[in-house]
Amino acid sequence: MSTTEPVDTLETTGAYSKYDEYEESGVEWLGEIPTHWETIRLNWAADYINGYMFSPDERGDEGLPIIRIAQLT
């Protein structure tokens, strides 16, 4: 089995998948991550728009998801 494939799935075990190998993430509160993952700053992965209220018409099922600040805490 490849180290990038989970050993079990949430559906079969009721728990998150486990990987074969882990390493320290370099982020104290995060701890260990699978060796094939990488950590990057959130602002490198997405655009951050503070103070803009999206109308219900702008929230759709297509395109990039909108994440509210309250969902990050």
PDB file of N, CA and C in Angstrom:
ATOM      1  N   MET A   1       0.835  -1.181   0.000  1.00  0.00           N
ATOM      2  CA  MET A   1       0.000   0.000   0.000  1.00  0.00           C
ATOM      3  C   MET A   1       0.878   1.243   0.000  1.00  0.00           C
ATOM      4  N   SER A   2       0.507   2.243  -0.757  1.00  0.00           N
ATOM      5  CA  SER A   2       1.244   3.492  -0.831  1.00  0.00           C
ATOM      6  C   SER A   2       1.057   4.292   0.445  1.00  0.00           C
ATOM      7  N   THR A   3       2.047   5.096   0.811  1.00  0.00           N
ATOM      8  CA  THR A   3       1.909   5.916   2.009  1.00  0.00           C
ATOM      9  C   THR A   3       0.934   7.061   1.803  1.00  0.00           C
ATOM     10  N   THR A   4       0.517   7.322   0.565  1.00  0.00           N
ATOM     11  CA  THR A   4      -0.432   8.401   0.332  1.00  0.00           C
ATOM     12  C   THR A   4      -1.869   7.917   0.424  1.00  0.00           C
ATOM     13  N   GLU A   5      -2.079   6.618   0.544  1.00  0.00           N
ATOM     14  CA  GLU A   5      -3.436   6.086   0.649  1.00  0.00           C
ATOM     15  C   GLU A   5      -3.761   5.788   2.108  1.00  0.00           C
ATOM     16  N   PRO A   6      -4.920   6.251   2.566  1.00  0.00           N
ATOM     17  CA  PRO A   6      -5.271   5.972   3.959  1.00  0.00           C
ATOM     18  C   PRO A   6      -5.484   4.491   4.201  1.00  0.00           C
ATOM     19  N   VAL A   7      -5.180   4.040   5.408  1.00  0.00           N
ATOM     20  CA  VAL A   7      -5.338   2.638   5.767  1.00  0.00           C
ATOM     21  C   VAL A   7      -6.810   2.285   5.867  1.00  0.00           C
ATOM     22  N   ASP A   8      -7.615   3.119   6.528  1.00  0.00           N
ATOM     23  CA  ASP A   8      -9.046   2.914   6.676  1.00  0.00           C
ATOM     24  C   ASP A   8      -9.764   4.203   6.304  1.00  0.00           C
ATOM     25  N   THR A   9     -11.067   4.137   6.139  1.00  0.00           N
ATOM     26  CA  THR A   9     -11.826   5.333   5.828  1.00  0.00           C
ATOM     27  C   THR A   9     -12.771   5.670   6.960  1.00  0.00           C
ATOM     28  N   LEU A  10     -13.224   6.895   6.999  1.00  0.00           N
ATOM     29  CA  LEU A  10     -14.166   7.341   8.018  1.00  0.00           C
ATOM     30  C   LEU A  10     -15.430   6.508   7.976  1.00  0.00           C
ATOM     31  N   GLU A  11     -15.859   6.119   6.795  1.00  0.00           N
ATOM     32  CA  GLU A  11     -17.083   5.343   6.654  1.00  0.00           C
ATOM     33  C   GLU A  11     -16.961   3.945   7.261  1.00  0.00           C
ATOM     34  N   THR A  12     -15.793   3.329   7.170  1.00  0.00           N
ATOM     35  CA  THR A  12     -15.642   1.956   7.657  1.00  0.00           C
ATOM     36  C   THR A  12     -15.227   1.875   9.117  1.00  0.00           C
ATOM     37  N   THR A  13     -14.523   2.883   9.628  1.00  0.00           N
ATOM     38  CA  THR A  13     -14.006   2.808  10.998  1.00  0.00           C
ATOM     39  C   THR A  13     -14.660   3.776  11.959  1.00  0.00           C
ATOM     40  N   GLY A  14     -15.334   4.796  11.454  1.00  0.00           N
ATOM     41  CA  GLY A  14     -15.895   5.823  12.317  1.00  0.00           C
ATOM     42  C   GLY A  14     -14.839   6.773  12.845  1.00  0.00           C
ATOM     43  N   ALA A  15     -13.628   6.705  12.283  1.00  0.00           N
ATOM     44  CA  ALA A  15     -12.531   7.581  12.704  1.00  0.00           C
ATOM     45  C   ALA A  15     -11.829   8.113  11.460  1.00  0.00           C
ATOM     46  N   TYR A  16     -10.990   9.118  11.663  1.00  0.00           N
ATOM     47  CA  TYR A  16     -10.239   9.647  10.534  1.00  0.00           C
ATOM     48  C   TYR A  16      -9.210   8.627  10.051  1.00  0.00           C
ATOM     49  N   SER A  17      -8.867   8.695   8.795  1.00  0.00           N
ATOM     50  CA  SER A  17      -7.919   7.771   8.181  1.00  0.00           C
ATOM     51  C   SER A  17      -6.528   7.925   8.789  1.00  0.00           C
ATOM     52  N   LYS A  18      -5.796   6.829   8.840  1.00  0.00           N
ATOM     53  CA  LYS A  18      -4.412   6.837   9.318  1.00  0.00           C
ATOM     54  C   LYS A  18      -3.499   6.605   8.120  1.00  0.00           C
ATOM     55  N   TYR A  19      -2.354   7.262   8.122  1.00  0.00           N
ATOM     56  CA  TYR A  19      -1.354   7.076   7.075  1.00  0.00           C
ATOM     57  C   TYR A  19      -0.167   6.325   7.653  1.00  0.00           C
ATOM     58  N   ASP A  20       0.648   5.769   6.783  1.00  0.00           N
ATOM     59  CA  ASP A  20       1.787   4.966   7.230  1.00  0.00           C
ATOM     60  C   ASP A  20       2.866   5.786   7.930  1.00  0.00           C
ATOM     61  N   GLU A  21       3.161   6.989   7.410  1.00  0.00           N
ATOM     62  CA  GLU A  21       4.270   7.770   7.945  1.00  0.00           C
ATOM     63  C   GLU A  21       3.840   9.206   8.238  1.00  0.00           C
ATOM     64  N   TYR A  22       4.336   9.718   9.376  1.00  0.00           N
ATOM     65  CA  TYR A  22       4.050  11.085   9.795  1.00  0.00           C
ATOM     66  C   TYR A  22       5.358  11.804  10.094  1.00  0.00           C
ATOM     67  N   GLU A  23       5.304  13.150  10.047  1.00  0.00           N
ATOM     68  CA  GLU A  23       6.447  13.973  10.407  1.00  0.00           C
ATOM     69  C   GLU A  23       5.931  15.214  11.127  1.00  0.00           C
ATOM     70  N   GLU A  24       6.804  15.884  11.855  1.00  0.00           N
ATOM     71  CA  GLU A  24       6.420  17.118  12.527  1.00  0.00           C
ATOM     72  C   GLU A  24       6.076  18.172  11.481  1.00  0.00           C
ATOM     73  N   SER A  25       5.008  18.905  11.719  1.00  0.00           N
ATOM     74  CA  SER A  25       4.556  19.931  10.772  1.00  0.00           C
ATOM     75  C   SER A  25       5.371  21.203  10.873  1.00  0.00           C
ATOM     76  N   GLY A  26       6.023  21.424  12.017  1.00  0.00           N
ATOM     77  CA  GLY A  26       6.717  22.682  12.238  1.00  0.00           C
ATOM     78  C   GLY A  26       5.790  23.741  12.822  1.00  0.00           C
ATOM     79  N   VAL A  27       4.533  23.370  13.037  1.00  0.00           N
ATOM     80  CA  VAL A  27       3.539  24.254  13.640  1.00  0.00           C
ATOM     81  C   VAL A  27       3.137  23.620  14.968  1.00  0.00           C
ATOM     82  N   GLU A  28       3.437  24.309  16.069  1.00  0.00           N
ATOM     83  CA  GLU A  28       3.274  23.712  17.396  1.00  0.00           C
ATOM     84  C   GLU A  28       1.873  23.159  17.644  1.00  0.00           C
ATOM     85  N   TRP A  29       0.836  23.933  17.337  1.00  0.00           N
ATOM     86  CA  TRP A  29      -0.526  23.492  17.647  1.00  0.00           C
ATOM     87  C   TRP A  29      -1.040  22.440  16.684  1.00  0.00           C
ATOM     88  N   LEU A  30      -0.377  22.269  15.548  1.00  0.00           N
ATOM     89  CA  LEU A  30      -0.822  21.295  14.552  1.00  0.00           C
ATOM     90  C   LEU A  30      -0.240  19.906  14.815  1.00  0.00           C
ATOM     91  N   GLY A  31       0.990  19.853  15.265  1.00  0.00           N
ATOM     92  CA  GLY A  31       1.607  18.552  15.562  1.00  0.00           C
ATOM     93  C   GLY A  31       2.083  17.837  14.306  1.00  0.00           C
ATOM     94  N   GLU A  32       1.888  16.521  14.253  1.00  0.00           N
ATOM     95  CA  GLU A  32       2.375  15.720  13.137  1.00  0.00           C
ATOM     96  C   GLU A  32       1.358  15.694  11.998  1.00  0.00           C
ATOM     97  N   ILE A  33       1.907  15.612  10.770  1.00  0.00           N
ATOM     98  CA  ILE A  33       1.085  15.496   9.571  1.00  0.00           C
ATOM     99  C   ILE A  33       1.645  14.356   8.720  1.00  0.00           C
ATOM    100  N   PRO A  34       0.842  13.784   7.818  1.00  0.00           N
ATOM    101  CA  PRO A  34       1.375  12.753   6.922  1.00  0.00           C
ATOM    102  C   PRO A  34       2.570  13.302   6.128  1.00  0.00           C
ATOM    103  N   THR A  35       3.541  12.454   5.866  1.00  0.00           N
ATOM    104  CA  THR A  35       4.783  12.901   5.231  1.00  0.00           C
ATOM    105  C   THR A  35       4.581  13.483   3.839  1.00  0.00           C
ATOM    106  N   HIS A  36       3.521  13.092   3.145  1.00  0.00           N
ATOM    107  CA  HIS A  36       3.316  13.611   1.782  1.00  0.00           C
ATOM    108  C   HIS A  36       2.553  14.939   1.775  1.00  0.00           C
ATOM    109  N   TRP A  37       2.135  15.445   2.928  1.00  0.00           N
ATOM    110  CA  TRP A  37       1.471  16.746   3.020  1.00  0.00           C
ATOM    111  C   TRP A  37       2.519  17.834   3.140  1.00  0.00           C
ATOM    112  N   GLU A  38       2.110  19.070   2.847  1.00  0.00           N
ATOM    113  CA  GLU A  38       2.957  20.217   3.099  1.00  0.00           C
ATOM    114  C   GLU A  38       2.131  21.269   3.832  1.00  0.00           C
ATOM    115  N   THR A  39       2.780  22.112   4.592  1.00  0.00           N
ATOM    116  CA  THR A  39       2.074  23.185   5.271  1.00  0.00           C
ATOM    117  C   THR A  39       2.420  24.498   4.589  1.00  0.00           C
ATOM    118  N   ILE A  40       1.397  25.316   4.376  1.00  0.00           N
ATOM    119  CA  ILE A  40       1.594  26.655   3.819  1.00  0.00           C
ATOM    120  C   ILE A  40       0.716  27.620   4.593  1.00  0.00           C
ATOM    121  N   ARG A  41       1.029  28.884   4.523  1.00  0.00           N
ATOM    122  CA  ARG A  41       0.210  29.904   5.173  1.00  0.00           C
ATOM    123  C   ARG A  41      -1.126  30.019   4.441  1.00  0.00           C
ATOM    124  N   LEU A  42      -2.187  30.230   5.198  1.00  0.00           N
ATOM    125  CA  LEU A  42      -3.521  30.331   4.618  1.00  0.00           C
ATOM    126  C   LEU A  42      -3.599  31.434   3.569  1.00  0.00           C
ATOM    127  N   ASN A  43      -2.934  32.572   3.806  1.00  0.00           N
ATOM    128  CA  ASN A  43      -3.011  33.659   2.828  1.00  0.00           C
ATOM    129  C   ASN A  43      -2.257  33.350   1.532  1.00  0.00           C
ATOM    130  N   TRP A  44      -1.452  32.298   1.503  1.00  0.00           N
ATOM    131  CA  TRP A  44      -0.817  31.867   0.262  1.00  0.00           C
ATOM    132  C   TRP A  44      -1.750  30.953  -0.531  1.00  0.00           C
ATOM    133  N   ALA A  45      -2.728  30.370   0.145  1.00  0.00           N
ATOM    134  CA  ALA A  45      -3.621  29.405  -0.494  1.00  0.00           C
ATOM    135  C   ALA A  45      -4.921  30.030  -0.976  1.00  0.00           C
ATOM    136  N   ALA A  46      -5.254  31.217  -0.475  1.00  0.00           N
ATOM    137  CA  ALA A  46      -6.551  31.812  -0.804  1.00  0.00           C
ATOM    138  C   ALA A  46      -6.471  33.327  -0.718  1.00  0.00           C
ATOM    139  N   ASP A  47      -7.417  33.984  -1.377  1.00  0.00           N
ATOM    140  CA  ASP A  47      -7.547  35.429  -1.258  1.00  0.00           C
ATOM    141  C   ASP A  47      -8.375  35.744  -0.026  1.00  0.00           C
ATOM    142  N   TYR A  48      -8.004  36.782   0.672  1.00  0.00           N
ATOM    143  CA  TYR A  48      -8.661  37.181   1.902  1.00  0.00           C
ATOM    144  C   TYR A  48      -9.295  38.550   1.668  1.00  0.00           C
ATOM    145  N   ILE A  49     -10.606  38.630   1.779  1.00  0.00           N
ATOM    146  CA  ILE A  49     -11.329  39.888   1.613  1.00  0.00           C
ATOM    147  C   ILE A  49     -12.055  40.167   2.915  1.00  0.00           C
ATOM    148  N   ASN A  50     -11.591  41.146   3.664  1.00  0.00           N
ATOM    149  CA  ASN A  50     -12.181  41.469   4.955  1.00  0.00           C
ATOM    150  C   ASN A  50     -13.214  42.573   4.791  1.00  0.00           C
ATOM    151  N   GLY A  51     -14.384  42.388   5.388  1.00  0.00           N
ATOM    152  CA  GLY A  51     -15.392  43.426   5.402  1.00  0.00           C
ATOM    153  C   GLY A  51     -16.341  43.408   4.222  1.00  0.00           C
ATOM    154  N   TYR A  52     -16.183  42.478   3.300  1.00  0.00           N
ATOM    155  CA  TYR A  52     -17.085  42.410   2.152  1.00  0.00           C
ATOM    156  C   TYR A  52     -18.191  41.416   2.472  1.00  0.00           C
ATOM    157  N   MET A  53     -19.425  41.854   2.376  1.00  0.00           N
ATOM    158  CA  MET A  53     -20.569  40.986   2.632  1.00  0.00           C
ATOM    159  C   MET A  53     -21.043  40.394   1.305  1.00  0.00           C
ATOM    160  N   PHE A  54     -20.988  39.087   1.190  1.00  0.00           N
ATOM    161  CA  PHE A  54     -21.484  38.421  -0.004  1.00  0.00           C
ATOM    162  C   PHE A  54     -22.997  38.274   0.094  1.00  0.00           C
ATOM    163  N   SER A  55     -23.691  38.646  -0.963  1.00  0.00           N
ATOM    164  CA  SER A  55     -25.146  38.492  -0.966  1.00  0.00           C
ATOM    165  C   SER A  55     -25.488  37.023  -1.220  1.00  0.00           C
ATOM    166  N   PRO A  56     -26.693  36.592  -0.857  1.00  0.00           N
ATOM    167  CA  PRO A  56     -27.097  35.209  -1.123  1.00  0.00           C
ATOM    168  C   PRO A  56     -26.986  34.826  -2.600  1.00  0.00           C
ATOM    169  N   ASP A  57     -27.166  35.790  -3.500  1.00  0.00           N
ATOM    170  CA  ASP A  57     -27.046  35.505  -4.936  1.00  0.00           C
ATOM    171  C   ASP A  57     -25.614  35.170  -5.329  1.00  0.00           C
ATOM    172  N   GLU A  58     -24.639  35.684  -4.587  1.00  0.00           N
ATOM    173  CA  GLU A  58     -23.234  35.431  -4.890  1.00  0.00           C
ATOM    174  C   GLU A  58     -22.744  34.094  -4.340  1.00  0.00           C
ATOM    175  N   ARG A  59     -23.500  33.520  -3.445  1.00  0.00           N
ATOM    176  CA  ARG A  59     -23.142  32.218  -2.877  1.00  0.00           C
ATOM    177  C   ARG A  59     -23.779  31.137  -3.728  1.00  0.00           C
ATOM    178  N   GLY A  60     -22.983  30.449  -4.492  1.00  0.00           N
ATOM    179  CA  GLY A  60     -23.504  29.402  -5.358  1.00  0.00           C
ATOM    180  C   GLY A  60     -22.787  28.093  -5.134  1.00  0.00           C
ATOM    181  N   ASP A  61     -23.091  27.136  -5.985  1.00  0.00           N
ATOM    182  CA  ASP A  61     -22.457  25.822  -5.913  1.00  0.00           C
ATOM    183  C   ASP A  61     -21.263  25.705  -6.845  1.00  0.00           C
ATOM    184  N   GLU A  62     -20.979  26.760  -7.605  1.00  0.00           N
ATOM    185  CA  GLU A  62     -19.874  26.735  -8.565  1.00  0.00           C
ATOM    186  C   GLU A  62     -18.772  27.684  -8.122  1.00  0.00           C
ATOM    187  N   GLY A  63     -17.567  27.418  -8.582  1.00  0.00           N
ATOM    188  CA  GLY A  63     -16.442  28.278  -8.256  1.00  0.00           C
ATOM    189  C   GLY A  63     -15.845  27.952  -6.907  1.00  0.00           C
ATOM    190  N   LEU A  64     -15.096  28.890  -6.383  1.00  0.00           N
ATOM    191  CA  LEU A  64     -14.416  28.688  -5.106  1.00  0.00           C
ATOM    192  C   LEU A  64     -15.378  28.886  -3.954  1.00  0.00           C
ATOM    193  N   PRO A  65     -15.202  28.131  -2.873  1.00  0.00           N
ATOM    194  CA  PRO A  65     -16.091  28.286  -1.718  1.00  0.00           C
ATOM    195  C   PRO A  65     -15.838  29.593  -0.980  1.00  0.00           C
ATOM    196  N   ILE A  66     -16.856  30.107  -0.353  1.00  0.00           N
ATOM    197  CA  ILE A  66     -16.739  31.280   0.505  1.00  0.00           C
ATOM    198  C   ILE A  66     -16.660  30.777   1.939  1.00  0.00           C
ATOM    199  N   ILE A  67     -15.602  31.166   2.634  1.00  0.00           N
ATOM    200  CA  ILE A  67     -15.429  30.767   4.033  1.00  0.00           C
ATOM    201  C   ILE A  67     -15.560  32.019   4.879  1.00  0.00           C
ATOM    202  N   ARG A  68     -16.494  32.002   5.799  1.00  0.00           N
ATOM    203  CA  ARG A  68     -16.701  33.144   6.687  1.00  0.00           C
ATOM    204  C   ARG A  68     -15.657  33.126   7.786  1.00  0.00           C
ATOM    205  N   ILE A  69     -15.302  34.310   8.264  1.00  0.00           N
ATOM    206  CA  ILE A  69     -14.294  34.438   9.324  1.00  0.00           C
ATOM    207  C   ILE A  69     -14.690  33.596  10.538  1.00  0.00           C
ATOM    208  N   ALA A  70     -15.969  33.561  10.865  1.00  0.00           N
ATOM    209  CA  ALA A  70     -16.440  32.782  12.016  1.00  0.00           C
ATOM    210  C   ALA A  70     -16.140  31.296  11.851  1.00  0.00           C
ATOM    211  N   GLN A  71     -16.012  30.820  10.608  1.00  0.00           N
ATOM    212  CA  GLN A  71     -15.711  29.408  10.383  1.00  0.00           C
ATOM    213  C   GLN A  71     -14.244  29.074  10.622  1.00  0.00           C
ATOM    214  N   LEU A  72     -13.392  30.079  10.745  1.00  0.00           N
ATOM    215  CA  LEU A  72     -11.958  29.853  10.937  1.00  0.00           C
ATOM    216  C   LEU A  72     -11.574  29.775  12.399  1.00  0.00           C
ATOM    217  N   THR A  73     -12.460  30.104  13.301  1.00  0.00           N
ATOM    218  CA  THR A  73     -12.109  30.109  14.724  1.00  0.00           C
ATOM    219  C   THR A  73     -12.627  28.878  15.412  1.00  0.00           C
TER     220      THR A  73
END
